[in-house]
Amino acid sequence: LGEIEEIIDAYGKTAFKLKEAGVDGIEVHAVHEGYLLDQFAMKYTNQRTDKYGGSFENRYRLAAEIVKEIKKVCGEDFPVSLRYSVVSKTKGFGQGAVPGEDDFVEVGRDMEESEKAAKFLQDAGYDMLNCDNGTYDAWYWAHPPAYMPENCNLSYVSHIKKFVDVPVVCAGKMTPEIGSEAIRNGDIDAMGVARQFLTDPQWVTKMMEDREADIKPCIDCHNACFNMAKYKGTANIQDMEDAMKMARCALNPRTMQSTKYKLEKASKVKNIAVIGGGIGGMESAMVLSDRGHKVTIYEKSDHLGGVFIPAAAPEFKSRDKRLIQWYLRQIEARPIAVKLNTEVTDVSALQADEVVIATGAKAKRPPIKGLEYSMGAIDYLSGEEVGENVVVVGGGQTGCEIAYDLVLKGKKPQIVEMQVDLVADQGVCLANSSFLREMLAFKKVPVHLETSLQEIKENAVTVTNKEGESYDLPCDSVIMAIGYDSTPLEKSSKNVHIVGDAYQVGNLRTVIWRAWDVCMKL
């Protein structure tokens, strides 16, 4: 109890210091997302038997006493907002409820309790509720990845507004169109936006100036803003130094790093050739052009975008599609020469001062008997037809996304994965990986973990599990999603620089940040 009193006192003292510093108001974080005050509020995490546990009033007592202390030291007119999760969407420790999964037992805060809690917290003194859903056990509600529906929390938040008189804010993949309509209709009082500002800090200005096409869209990838990757049996496989550097942006290296990535004109203008028109090539060309260089992109296909175009094919990748269009507009708006249907085989023939190679990667081709009966992930995402029953070999992020896409198309996928869990990948945020695992489980997709592929046949694959047992999985199609190998056109040298997956296979963050690291020095 003494520690609780210290926490309450610390909230009051901190709020008072902020008021003295000229801050107009504060937000308490909160009865939200499974953090400390939320753990007090929820029955499945609060096992106390004193005045802070058991009954509804006891569980919400700490949050109430904190705002009362703040008001006591700062004055009743000092605004205090509360970050608030309307419902927990939690089935148990490490297990959330995905969209569409309505028949489950809520172990956290359900809507009936939330209606009561919102009124209780308002009456305690909170002046605004800043809302979404979820806990760390259902993290994809609080930090919705690409797979979550847009405006996913709006119906829950607008419902809770009926039970309070203070302003209510809704966050969670809010779109300006739906958010503004909800505000006009009185369903909410404001919409909360965070990640989009990391991607494009001028988002509001561009909206006000009717320049929506110039807004670089957040694609909810979580490659840099939430660097915590987890799978079965681990706490966090991300490097701790990297995991602590949150609030960066995969698409915008300058976010929180504006000094490191300060865009300045080059001291000498050069003719620079960029080989490859994928994301890495386009980002490189833009940085180089903005620094004053004369840039030419050489792309062997008839379009820019590279493998990111098939990667954006699933219906849940609508923001990825918008990002591609953003890049195409940005390239067109700059004095960048683009040569399509132009394959470069000899960089010396280009007569460029510098060459940036962004030729990407190629799919791994394991020495498996019957490989000719399979297709690659890019083949499927590019539109190659598949049958009704599909085996996806590889349960990383790409394989799981493909399996989910197949489910949405009415197919019957199953996954073969050598690791102990799906999406056991460093660099994939927990919100993304847990959604894929739990959605695939909800959709009853068969998953064969710690199982290796032995042979692909015309209508089946042969696999071997960790016990050494071999068996066949009947199927109509096989999709190989086992990763990629870098394919640089040429080795790096004094005037040849390699970026993107050609340098090292990674994600959008590694591709884009590498482009800046290289091109800022040319």
Protein backbone atom coordinates (compact mmCIF):
# COMPACT_ATOMS: atom_id res chain seq x y z
CA LEU A 1 0.00 0.00 0.00
CA GLY A 2 2.90 2.30 0.66
CA GLU A 3 4.11 1.89 -2.92
CA ILE A 4 0.65 2.75 -4.23
CA GLU A 5 0.63 5.93 -2.15
CA GLU A 6 4.04 6.84 -3.61
CA ILE A 7 2.70 6.33 -7.14
CA ILE A 8 -0.34 8.52 -6.50
CA ASP A 9 1.86 11.20 -4.95
CA ALA A 10 4.29 11.02 -7.90
CA TYR A 11 1.47 11.57 -10.39
CA GLY A 12 0.41 14.68 -8.49
CA LYS A 13 3.93 16.09 -8.20
CA THR A 14 4.69 15.42 -11.87
CA ALA A 15 1.46 17.06 -13.00
CA PHE A 16 2.21 20.11 -10.85
CA LYS A 17 5.71 20.46 -12.32
CA LEU A 18 4.23 20.30 -15.81
CA LYS A 19 1.66 22.93 -14.94
CA GLU A 20 4.42 25.16 -13.58
CA ALA A 21 6.29 24.66 -16.86
CA GLY A 22 3.31 26.00 -18.78
CA VAL A 23 1.68 22.77 -19.91
CA ASP A 24 -2.04 23.31 -20.50
CA GLY A 25 -3.14 19.82 -19.48
CA ILE A 26 -1.99 16.22 -19.18
CA GLU A 27 -3.08 12.72 -20.08
CA VAL A 28 -2.80 9.82 -17.66
CA HIS A 29 -1.64 6.57 -19.24
CA ALA A 30 -3.70 4.72 -18.11
CA VAL A 31 -6.63 2.37 -17.88
CA HIS A 32 -5.42 1.20 -21.25
CA GLU A 33 -3.67 -1.60 -23.14
CA GLY A 34 -2.87 -3.65 -20.05
CA TYR A 35 -0.51 -1.14 -18.45
CA LEU A 36 -0.29 -0.84 -14.66
CA LEU A 37 -3.52 1.06 -14.00
CA ASP A 38 -5.32 -1.26 -16.41
CA GLN A 39 -3.89 -4.29 -14.61
CA PHE A 40 -5.42 -2.94 -11.41
CA ALA A 41 -8.75 -2.46 -13.20
CA MET A 42 -9.09 -5.93 -14.74
CA LYS A 43 -10.06 -9.05 -12.83
CA TYR A 44 -7.73 -11.41 -14.69
CA THR A 45 -4.65 -9.40 -13.69
CA ASN A 46 -5.75 -8.07 -10.29
CA GLN A 47 -5.58 -10.75 -7.59
CA ARG A 48 -5.39 -8.32 -4.68
CA THR A 49 -7.54 -8.81 -1.59
CA ASP A 50 -7.14 -5.33 -0.10
CA LYS A 51 -9.01 -2.12 -0.95
CA TYR A 52 -7.48 -2.13 -4.45
CA GLY A 53 -8.80 -5.54 -5.47
CA GLY A 54 -11.98 -7.52 -5.79
CA SER A 55 -14.97 -5.26 -6.36
CA PHE A 56 -15.47 -2.93 -9.31
CA GLU A 57 -14.89 0.16 -7.17
CA ASN A 58 -11.72 -1.29 -5.66
CA ARG A 59 -10.22 -2.24 -9.01
CA TYR A 60 -10.75 1.25 -10.44
CA ARG A 61 -9.81 2.99 -7.19
CA LEU A 62 -6.18 3.66 -8.14
CA ALA A 63 -7.10 5.43 -11.39
CA ALA A 64 -9.67 7.51 -9.50
CA GLU A 65 -7.29 8.45 -6.69
CA ILE A 66 -4.65 9.55 -9.20
CA VAL A 67 -6.91 12.08 -10.92
CA LYS A 68 -8.19 13.34 -7.57
CA GLU A 69 -4.60 13.93 -6.43
CA ILE A 70 -3.77 15.78 -9.66
CA LYS A 71 -6.84 17.98 -9.30
CA LYS A 72 -5.98 18.65 -5.65
CA VAL A 73 -2.51 19.99 -6.44
CA CYS A 74 -3.19 21.54 -9.86
CA GLY A 75 -6.73 22.81 -9.42
CA GLU A 76 -10.10 21.50 -10.55
CA ASP A 77 -9.84 23.46 -13.81
CA PHE A 78 -6.57 21.76 -14.86
CA PRO A 79 -7.52 19.39 -17.73
CA VAL A 80 -6.74 15.71 -17.24
CA SER A 81 -7.40 13.23 -20.04
CA LEU A 82 -7.37 9.46 -19.60
CA ARG A 83 -6.12 6.95 -22.15
CA TYR A 84 -8.81 4.30 -22.01
CA SER A 85 -9.35 0.88 -23.60
CA VAL A 86 -13.09 0.44 -24.04
CA VAL A 87 -12.95 -3.36 -24.20
CA SER A 88 -9.96 -5.63 -23.68
CA LYS A 89 -10.67 -8.18 -26.45
CA THR A 90 -8.68 -10.65 -24.38
CA LYS A 91 -9.25 -14.39 -23.94
CA GLY A 92 -6.32 -14.99 -21.61
CA PHE A 93 -2.64 -14.30 -21.10
CA GLY A 94 -1.03 -14.05 -24.54
CA GLN A 95 -4.30 -14.64 -26.34
CA GLY A 96 -6.57 -12.03 -27.91
CA ALA A 97 -9.83 -12.12 -29.84
CA VAL A 98 -9.53 -11.22 -33.51
CA PRO A 99 -12.14 -9.25 -35.51
CA GLY A 100 -15.17 -11.43 -36.17
CA GLU A 101 -14.48 -13.61 -33.14
CA ASP A 102 -17.51 -12.69 -31.07
CA ASP A 103 -18.16 -15.98 -29.28
CA PHE A 104 -15.47 -15.84 -26.60
CA VAL A 105 -15.23 -15.24 -22.86
CA GLU A 106 -13.76 -11.79 -22.12
CA VAL A 107 -11.33 -12.05 -19.20
CA GLY A 108 -10.62 -8.33 -19.24
CA ARG A 109 -13.07 -5.45 -19.52
CA ASP A 110 -16.25 -6.21 -21.44
CA MET A 111 -18.67 -3.60 -22.74
CA GLU A 112 -21.06 -3.90 -19.79
CA GLU A 113 -18.27 -3.11 -17.33
CA SER A 114 -16.84 -0.44 -19.62
CA GLU A 115 -20.11 1.50 -19.68
CA LYS A 116 -19.99 1.62 -15.90
CA ALA A 117 -16.24 2.30 -15.75
CA ALA A 118 -16.35 5.22 -18.17
CA LYS A 119 -18.98 6.98 -16.05
CA PHE A 120 -17.07 6.14 -12.84
CA LEU A 121 -13.82 7.58 -14.22
CA GLN A 122 -15.56 10.70 -15.49
CA ASP A 123 -17.13 11.26 -12.09
CA ALA A 124 -13.71 10.78 -10.46
CA GLY A 125 -12.48 13.84 -12.36
CA TYR A 126 -11.21 12.88 -15.79
CA ASP A 127 -12.04 15.55 -18.37
CA MET A 128 -11.65 13.46 -21.53
CA LEU A 129 -11.44 9.80 -22.57
CA ASN A 130 -8.90 9.00 -25.31
CA CYS A 131 -10.05 5.57 -26.42
CA ASP A 132 -9.27 2.43 -28.34
CA ASN A 133 -9.41 -1.29 -27.46
CA GLY A 134 -7.11 -4.14 -26.49
CA THR A 135 -4.31 -5.15 -24.14
CA TYR A 136 -0.80 -6.47 -24.71
CA ASP A 137 -2.53 -9.85 -24.95
CA ALA A 138 -4.58 -8.43 -27.84
CA TRP A 139 -2.09 -5.84 -28.99
CA TYR A 140 -3.38 -5.63 -32.55
CA TRP A 141 -6.44 -3.69 -31.33
CA ALA A 142 -4.36 -0.96 -29.70
CA HIS A 143 -1.79 -0.87 -32.51
CA PRO A 144 -3.65 -2.17 -35.56
CA PRO A 145 -1.41 -3.69 -38.24
CA ALA A 146 -2.25 -3.78 -41.94
CA TYR A 147 -4.51 -6.80 -41.47
CA MET A 148 -6.90 -5.02 -39.11
CA PRO A 149 -9.91 -3.18 -40.59
CA GLU A 150 -9.66 0.59 -40.88
CA ASN A 151 -11.51 2.49 -38.12
CA CYS A 152 -11.55 -0.81 -36.21
CA ASN A 153 -12.32 0.74 -32.81
CA LEU A 154 -14.91 3.31 -33.86
CA SER A 155 -18.10 1.37 -33.14
CA TYR A 156 -16.91 0.52 -29.61
CA VAL A 157 -15.76 4.05 -28.81
CA SER A 158 -18.88 5.71 -30.21
CA HIS A 159 -20.98 3.40 -28.05
CA ILE A 160 -19.15 4.38 -24.86
CA LYS A 161 -19.71 8.06 -25.62
CA LYS A 162 -23.39 7.53 -24.81
CA PHE A 163 -22.50 6.97 -21.16
CA VAL A 164 -20.35 10.05 -20.46
CA ASP A 165 -20.58 13.81 -20.81
CA VAL A 166 -16.87 14.51 -21.36
CA PRO A 167 -15.22 14.58 -24.81
CA VAL A 168 -14.41 11.18 -26.29
CA VAL A 169 -11.55 10.57 -28.74
CA CYS A 170 -11.22 7.49 -30.96
CA ALA A 171 -7.89 6.11 -32.21
CA GLY A 172 -6.97 3.09 -34.31
CA LYS A 173 -6.40 3.23 -38.11
CA MET A 174 -8.79 6.15 -38.33
CA THR A 175 -9.34 7.50 -41.84
CA PRO A 176 -10.02 11.23 -42.28
CA GLU A 177 -13.23 10.57 -44.20
CA ILE A 178 -14.83 8.26 -41.63
CA GLY A 179 -13.37 10.15 -38.66
CA SER A 180 -14.72 13.52 -39.79
CA GLU A 181 -18.11 12.00 -40.53
CA ALA A 182 -18.23 10.44 -37.04
CA ILE A 183 -17.38 13.82 -35.51
CA ARG A 184 -20.04 15.61 -37.55
CA ASN A 185 -22.60 13.00 -36.48
CA GLY A 186 -21.67 13.39 -32.81
CA ASP A 187 -20.48 9.78 -32.53
CA ILE A 188 -17.09 10.95 -31.23
CA ASP A 189 -15.59 14.34 -30.43
CA ALA A 190 -12.18 13.87 -32.06
CA MET A 191 -10.05 11.28 -33.82
CA GLY A 192 -6.63 10.26 -32.57
CA VAL A 193 -3.74 9.96 -35.03
CA ALA A 194 -0.15 8.98 -34.20
CA ARG A 195 1.69 6.73 -36.66
CA GLN A 196 0.68 8.79 -39.69
CA PHE A 197 2.54 11.78 -38.22
CA LEU A 198 5.70 9.67 -37.97
CA THR A 199 5.46 8.91 -41.68
CA ASP A 200 4.51 12.42 -42.78
CA PRO A 201 4.70 15.20 -40.14
CA GLN A 202 3.00 17.59 -42.59
CA TRP A 203 -0.12 15.41 -42.78
CA VAL A 204 -2.51 18.03 -41.37
CA THR A 205 -1.02 20.86 -43.42
CA LYS A 206 -1.36 18.86 -46.62
CA MET A 207 -4.95 17.95 -45.74
CA MET A 208 -5.80 21.62 -45.15
CA GLU A 209 -4.21 22.56 -48.47
CA ASP A 210 -6.09 19.81 -50.37
CA ARG A 211 -2.82 18.03 -51.12
CA GLU A 212 -3.89 14.57 -50.00
CA ALA A 213 -2.07 12.97 -52.94
CA ASP A 214 1.21 14.30 -51.51
CA ILE A 215 0.71 12.61 -48.12
CA LYS A 216 3.08 9.69 -47.66
CA PRO A 217 0.78 7.04 -46.19
CA CYS A 218 1.54 5.06 -43.06
CA ILE A 219 1.14 1.40 -44.02
CA ASP A 220 0.86 0.04 -40.45
CA CYS A 221 3.97 -2.12 -40.91
CA HIS A 222 5.41 -1.49 -37.41
CA ASN A 223 8.92 -2.09 -38.76
CA ALA A 224 10.30 0.85 -36.79
CA CYS A 225 7.67 2.42 -34.53
CA PHE A 226 7.09 -0.70 -32.38
CA ASN A 227 10.24 -2.79 -32.35
CA MET A 228 9.18 -5.72 -30.22
CA ALA A 229 9.14 -9.15 -31.85
CA LYS A 230 7.91 -12.22 -29.97
CA TYR A 231 6.97 -15.83 -30.56
CA LYS A 232 6.34 -18.96 -28.50
CA GLY A 233 8.76 -19.33 -25.62
CA THR A 234 10.38 -15.91 -25.97
CA ALA A 235 9.92 -12.53 -24.31
CA ASN A 236 11.38 -10.32 -27.06
CA ILE A 237 13.75 -11.53 -29.76
CA GLN A 238 14.46 -8.01 -31.00
CA ASP A 239 17.85 -6.56 -30.12
CA MET A 240 17.19 -4.53 -26.96
CA GLU A 241 19.03 -1.46 -28.23
CA ASP A 242 16.80 -1.51 -31.29
CA ALA A 243 13.66 -2.30 -29.29
CA MET A 244 14.23 0.79 -27.14
CA LYS A 245 14.35 3.05 -30.21
CA MET A 246 10.62 3.28 -30.68
CA ALA A 247 8.67 6.00 -32.47
CA ARG A 248 10.86 5.84 -35.56
CA CYS A 249 9.33 5.22 -38.98
CA ALA A 250 10.31 2.62 -41.56
CA LEU A 251 9.19 4.91 -44.38
CA ASN A 252 10.74 8.11 -43.02
CA PRO A 253 14.29 7.83 -41.64
CA ARG A 254 14.20 11.48 -40.54
CA THR A 255 11.56 10.78 -37.88
CA MET A 256 13.28 11.27 -34.49
CA GLN A 257 16.59 11.30 -36.42
CA SER A 258 16.43 14.62 -38.29
CA THR A 259 20.00 15.56 -37.37
CA LYS A 260 21.44 12.29 -38.67
CA TYR A 261 19.39 12.45 -41.86
CA LYS A 262 19.63 16.16 -42.61
CA LEU A 263 18.94 16.65 -46.30
CA GLU A 264 21.57 19.01 -47.72
CA LYS A 265 22.60 19.88 -51.27
CA ALA A 266 25.65 18.01 -52.55
CA SER A 267 28.88 19.99 -52.86
CA LYS A 268 29.35 18.61 -56.38
CA VAL A 269 26.58 17.68 -58.80
CA LYS A 270 27.07 14.20 -60.25
CA ASN A 271 25.44 12.02 -62.89
CA ILE A 272 24.15 9.03 -60.94
CA ALA A 273 22.61 5.86 -62.31
CA VAL A 274 20.17 3.91 -60.16
CA ILE A 275 19.73 0.34 -61.37
CA GLY A 276 16.39 -1.08 -60.27
CA GLY A 277 13.06 0.67 -59.87
CA GLY A 278 11.72 -0.93 -56.74
CA ILE A 279 11.26 0.87 -53.43
CA GLY A 280 15.00 0.94 -52.74
CA GLY A 281 15.75 2.34 -56.18
CA MET A 282 13.00 4.95 -56.10
CA GLU A 283 13.91 6.11 -52.59
CA SER A 284 17.55 6.39 -53.62
CA ALA A 285 16.64 8.38 -56.73
CA MET A 286 14.48 10.79 -54.74
CA VAL A 287 17.16 11.47 -52.11
CA LEU A 288 19.81 11.95 -54.77
CA SER A 289 17.60 14.26 -56.82
CA ASP A 290 16.67 16.33 -53.77
CA ARG A 291 20.38 16.77 -53.09
CA GLY A 292 20.83 18.23 -56.58
CA HIS A 293 22.26 15.28 -58.50
CA LYS A 294 21.23 14.31 -62.03
CA VAL A 295 19.58 10.91 -61.64
CA THR A 296 18.53 8.20 -64.07
CA ILE A 297 16.63 5.06 -63.05
CA TYR A 298 17.17 1.94 -65.18
CA GLU A 299 14.40 -0.65 -64.77
CA LYS A 300 14.32 -3.86 -66.78
CA SER A 301 10.52 -4.29 -66.55
CA ASP A 302 7.86 -2.02 -68.00
CA HIS A 303 6.97 -0.42 -64.65
CA LEU A 304 8.38 0.91 -61.40
CA GLY A 305 7.56 -0.65 -58.04
CA GLY A 306 9.46 -3.92 -58.10
CA VAL A 307 8.35 -6.77 -55.87
CA PHE A 308 6.43 -4.33 -53.68
CA ILE A 309 3.65 -4.40 -56.28
CA PRO A 310 2.85 -8.11 -55.74
CA ALA A 311 3.53 -7.69 -52.02
CA ALA A 312 0.73 -5.11 -51.98
CA ALA A 313 -1.71 -7.39 -53.82
CA PRO A 314 -3.76 -8.79 -50.89
CA GLU A 315 -6.95 -6.88 -50.11
CA PHE A 316 -5.64 -5.95 -46.64
CA LYS A 317 -2.70 -4.11 -48.23
CA SER A 318 -4.68 -1.11 -49.53
CA ARG A 319 -2.29 1.34 -47.87
CA ASP A 320 0.66 -0.39 -49.54
CA LYS A 321 -1.03 0.24 -52.88
CA ARG A 322 -1.39 3.91 -51.94
CA LEU A 323 2.32 4.01 -51.08
CA ILE A 324 3.24 2.76 -54.54
CA GLN A 325 1.13 5.48 -56.13
CA TRP A 326 2.78 8.04 -53.83
CA TYR A 327 6.23 6.96 -55.03
CA LEU A 328 5.21 7.15 -58.69
CA ARG A 329 3.91 10.69 -58.21
CA GLN A 330 7.06 11.74 -56.37
CA ILE A 331 9.31 10.35 -59.09
CA GLU A 332 7.26 12.14 -61.75
CA ALA A 333 7.41 15.42 -59.82
CA ARG A 334 11.22 15.41 -59.78
CA PRO A 335 13.73 15.83 -62.63
CA ILE A 336 14.48 12.09 -62.58
CA ALA A 337 14.95 10.29 -65.90
CA VAL A 338 13.30 6.86 -65.98
CA LYS A 339 14.31 4.25 -68.55
CA LEU A 340 11.89 1.30 -68.48
CA ASN A 341 12.40 -2.00 -70.33
CA THR A 342 16.12 -1.36 -69.94
CA GLU A 343 18.25 -4.12 -68.46
CA VAL A 344 21.75 -3.13 -67.42
CA THR A 345 24.42 -5.79 -67.68
CA ASP A 346 27.54 -3.61 -67.67
CA VAL A 347 27.58 -0.65 -65.27
CA SER A 348 30.72 0.79 -66.86
CA ALA A 349 28.78 1.35 -70.09
CA LEU A 350 26.52 3.83 -68.29
CA GLN A 351 29.34 6.39 -67.96
CA ALA A 352 27.91 7.55 -64.64
CA ASP A 353 29.88 9.21 -61.87
CA GLU A 354 28.21 6.94 -59.32
CA VAL A 355 26.07 3.82 -59.62
CA VAL A 356 23.49 2.72 -57.07
CA ILE A 357 22.45 -0.91 -57.47
CA ALA A 358 18.96 -1.78 -56.23
CA THR A 359 18.32 -4.99 -58.12
CA GLY A 360 16.56 -6.73 -55.27
CA ALA A 361 16.60 -10.40 -54.37
CA LYS A 362 15.53 -13.73 -55.82
CA ALA A 363 13.46 -16.44 -54.17
CA LYS A 364 15.35 -19.29 -52.55
CA ARG A 365 15.23 -22.54 -54.58
CA PRO A 366 15.93 -25.46 -52.24
CA PRO A 367 17.09 -28.81 -53.69
CA ILE A 368 13.69 -30.43 -53.19
CA LYS A 369 12.43 -33.20 -55.46
CA GLY A 370 9.40 -32.04 -57.43
CA LEU A 371 10.05 -28.32 -57.02
CA GLU A 372 8.63 -27.81 -60.52
CA TYR A 373 5.16 -28.56 -59.11
CA SER A 374 5.34 -25.46 -56.90
CA MET A 375 5.14 -21.71 -57.42
CA GLY A 376 6.90 -18.90 -55.61
CA ALA A 377 5.27 -16.39 -53.28
CA ILE A 378 5.73 -13.64 -55.89
CA ASP A 379 4.10 -15.86 -58.55
CA TYR A 380 1.00 -16.27 -56.41
CA LEU A 381 0.86 -12.62 -55.41
CA SER A 382 1.28 -11.66 -59.07
CA GLY A 383 -1.91 -13.49 -59.93
CA GLU A 384 -0.95 -17.08 -60.75
CA GLU A 385 -3.97 -19.33 -60.25
CA VAL A 386 -4.10 -21.82 -57.38
CA GLY A 387 -6.40 -24.70 -56.61
CA GLU A 388 -8.80 -25.17 -53.72
CA ASN A 389 -6.39 -26.88 -51.32
CA VAL A 390 -3.06 -25.10 -51.00
CA VAL A 391 0.06 -25.96 -49.01
CA VAL A 392 2.12 -22.91 -48.08
CA VAL A 393 5.72 -23.88 -47.33
CA GLY A 394 7.13 -21.33 -44.91
CA GLY A 395 5.34 -19.87 -41.91
CA GLY A 396 7.14 -16.56 -41.68
CA GLN A 397 5.37 -13.26 -42.20
CA THR A 398 5.08 -13.68 -45.97
CA GLY A 399 3.79 -17.25 -45.76
CA CYS A 400 1.22 -16.36 -43.11
CA GLU A 401 0.05 -13.32 -45.06
CA ILE A 402 -0.42 -15.54 -48.11
CA ALA A 403 -2.33 -18.11 -46.05
CA TYR A 404 -4.60 -15.36 -44.70
CA ASP A 405 -5.12 -14.01 -48.22
CA LEU A 406 -6.07 -17.52 -49.37
CA VAL A 407 -8.60 -17.79 -46.54
CA LEU A 408 -10.16 -14.47 -47.54
CA LYS A 409 -10.48 -15.83 -51.09
CA GLY A 410 -12.30 -18.92 -49.86
CA LYS A 411 -9.38 -21.32 -50.34
CA LYS A 412 -8.23 -23.99 -47.88
CA PRO A 413 -4.58 -23.41 -47.01
CA GLN A 414 -2.30 -25.22 -44.59
CA ILE A 415 1.17 -24.17 -43.52
CA VAL A 416 4.39 -26.18 -43.19
CA GLU A 417 7.00 -24.47 -41.01
CA MET A 418 10.33 -25.72 -39.62
CA GLN A 419 10.41 -23.30 -36.65
CA VAL A 420 8.66 -23.77 -33.28
CA ASP A 421 6.07 -21.09 -34.07
CA LEU A 422 4.63 -19.08 -36.90
CA VAL A 423 6.26 -15.73 -37.68
CA ALA A 424 9.33 -16.52 -35.58
CA ASP A 425 11.03 -13.61 -37.29
CA GLN A 426 13.16 -10.85 -35.81
CA GLY A 427 11.84 -7.47 -36.85
CA VAL A 428 8.16 -8.43 -37.05
CA CYS A 429 6.16 -6.56 -34.41
CA LEU A 430 4.13 -8.56 -31.89
CA ALA A 431 0.95 -6.80 -33.02
CA ASN A 432 1.48 -8.16 -36.54
CA SER A 433 2.68 -11.64 -35.66
CA SER A 434 0.08 -12.33 -32.95
CA PHE A 435 -2.73 -11.23 -35.27
CA LEU A 436 -1.58 -13.64 -37.97
CA ARG A 437 -1.20 -16.55 -35.54
CA GLU A 438 -4.53 -15.96 -33.87
CA MET A 439 -6.50 -15.17 -37.02
CA LEU A 440 -5.18 -18.30 -38.75
CA ALA A 441 -6.11 -20.32 -35.65
CA PHE A 442 -9.58 -18.72 -35.60
CA LYS A 443 -9.99 -19.61 -39.29
CA LYS A 444 -8.88 -23.18 -38.44
CA VAL A 445 -5.93 -23.19 -40.83
CA PRO A 446 -3.90 -26.39 -40.23
CA VAL A 447 -0.34 -25.59 -39.17
CA HIS A 448 2.51 -28.12 -39.15
CA LEU A 449 5.27 -26.70 -36.93
CA GLU A 450 8.78 -28.14 -36.60
CA THR A 451 8.05 -29.92 -39.84
CA SER A 452 10.24 -30.00 -42.96
CA LEU A 453 9.36 -30.43 -46.61
CA GLN A 454 10.80 -33.57 -48.21
CA GLU A 455 9.16 -33.81 -51.62
CA ILE A 456 6.56 -32.10 -53.78
CA LYS A 457 4.32 -34.35 -55.82
CA GLU A 458 1.68 -33.52 -58.40
CA ASN A 459 -1.16 -33.65 -55.86
CA ALA A 460 0.58 -33.75 -52.46
CA VAL A 461 3.66 -32.86 -50.49
CA THR A 462 5.66 -35.19 -48.27
CA VAL A 463 6.79 -33.73 -44.95
CA THR A 464 8.63 -34.96 -41.87
CA ASN A 465 7.80 -33.82 -38.33
CA LYS A 466 10.13 -33.43 -35.34
CA GLU A 467 9.51 -37.05 -34.29
CA GLY A 468 10.87 -38.18 -37.65
CA GLU A 469 7.48 -39.28 -38.95
CA SER A 470 6.87 -38.69 -42.66
CA TYR A 471 3.42 -38.22 -44.16
CA ASP A 472 1.67 -36.72 -47.16
CA LEU A 473 -0.48 -33.59 -47.26
CA PRO A 474 -2.86 -33.76 -50.25
CA CYS A 475 -3.11 -30.47 -52.14
CA ASP A 476 -3.87 -28.88 -55.49
CA SER A 477 -1.16 -26.20 -55.30
CA VAL A 478 2.08 -25.51 -53.43
CA ILE A 479 3.40 -22.03 -52.68
CA MET A 480 7.02 -21.66 -51.60
CA ALA A 481 7.50 -18.78 -49.14
CA ILE A 482 10.89 -19.62 -47.65
CA GLY A 483 12.74 -16.36 -48.19
CA TYR A 484 15.09 -14.67 -50.63
CA ASP A 485 18.75 -14.31 -51.52
CA SER A 486 20.33 -10.98 -52.47
CA THR A 487 21.10 -10.54 -56.17
CA PRO A 488 23.43 -7.55 -56.60
CA LEU A 489 24.33 -6.89 -60.22
CA GLU A 490 27.89 -6.11 -59.21
CA LYS A 491 29.99 -5.98 -56.06
CA SER A 492 30.28 -2.67 -54.26
CA SER A 493 33.34 -0.56 -55.03
CA LYS A 494 34.44 3.06 -54.81
CA ASN A 495 31.75 4.28 -57.21
CA VAL A 496 29.30 1.36 -57.03
CA HIS A 497 26.92 1.25 -54.08
CA ILE A 498 24.40 -1.44 -53.20
CA VAL A 499 21.08 -0.76 -51.47
CA GLY A 500 17.84 -2.56 -50.69
CA ASP A 501 17.46 -6.32 -50.73
CA ALA A 502 20.37 -6.50 -53.16
CA TYR A 503 22.53 -5.42 -50.21
CA GLN A 504 20.78 -7.48 -47.53
CA VAL A 505 17.33 -9.03 -47.53
CA GLY A 506 15.20 -7.23 -44.97
CA ASN A 507 12.05 -5.16 -44.77
CA LEU A 508 10.94 -1.69 -45.84
CA ARG A 509 12.83 -0.14 -42.96
CA THR A 510 16.16 -1.68 -43.92
CA VAL A 511 15.57 -0.91 -47.60
CA ILE A 512 14.65 2.76 -47.14
CA TRP A 513 17.10 3.58 -44.35
CA ARG A 514 19.94 1.97 -46.31
CA ALA A 515 19.03 4.13 -49.32
CA TRP A 516 19.40 7.25 -47.17
CA ASP A 517 22.61 6.03 -45.52
CA VAL A 518 24.22 5.55 -48.93
CA CYS A 519 22.77 8.46 -50.88
CA MET A 520 23.40 11.09 -48.20
CA LYS A 521 27.13 10.53 -48.76
CA LEU A 522 27.23 10.78 -52.56
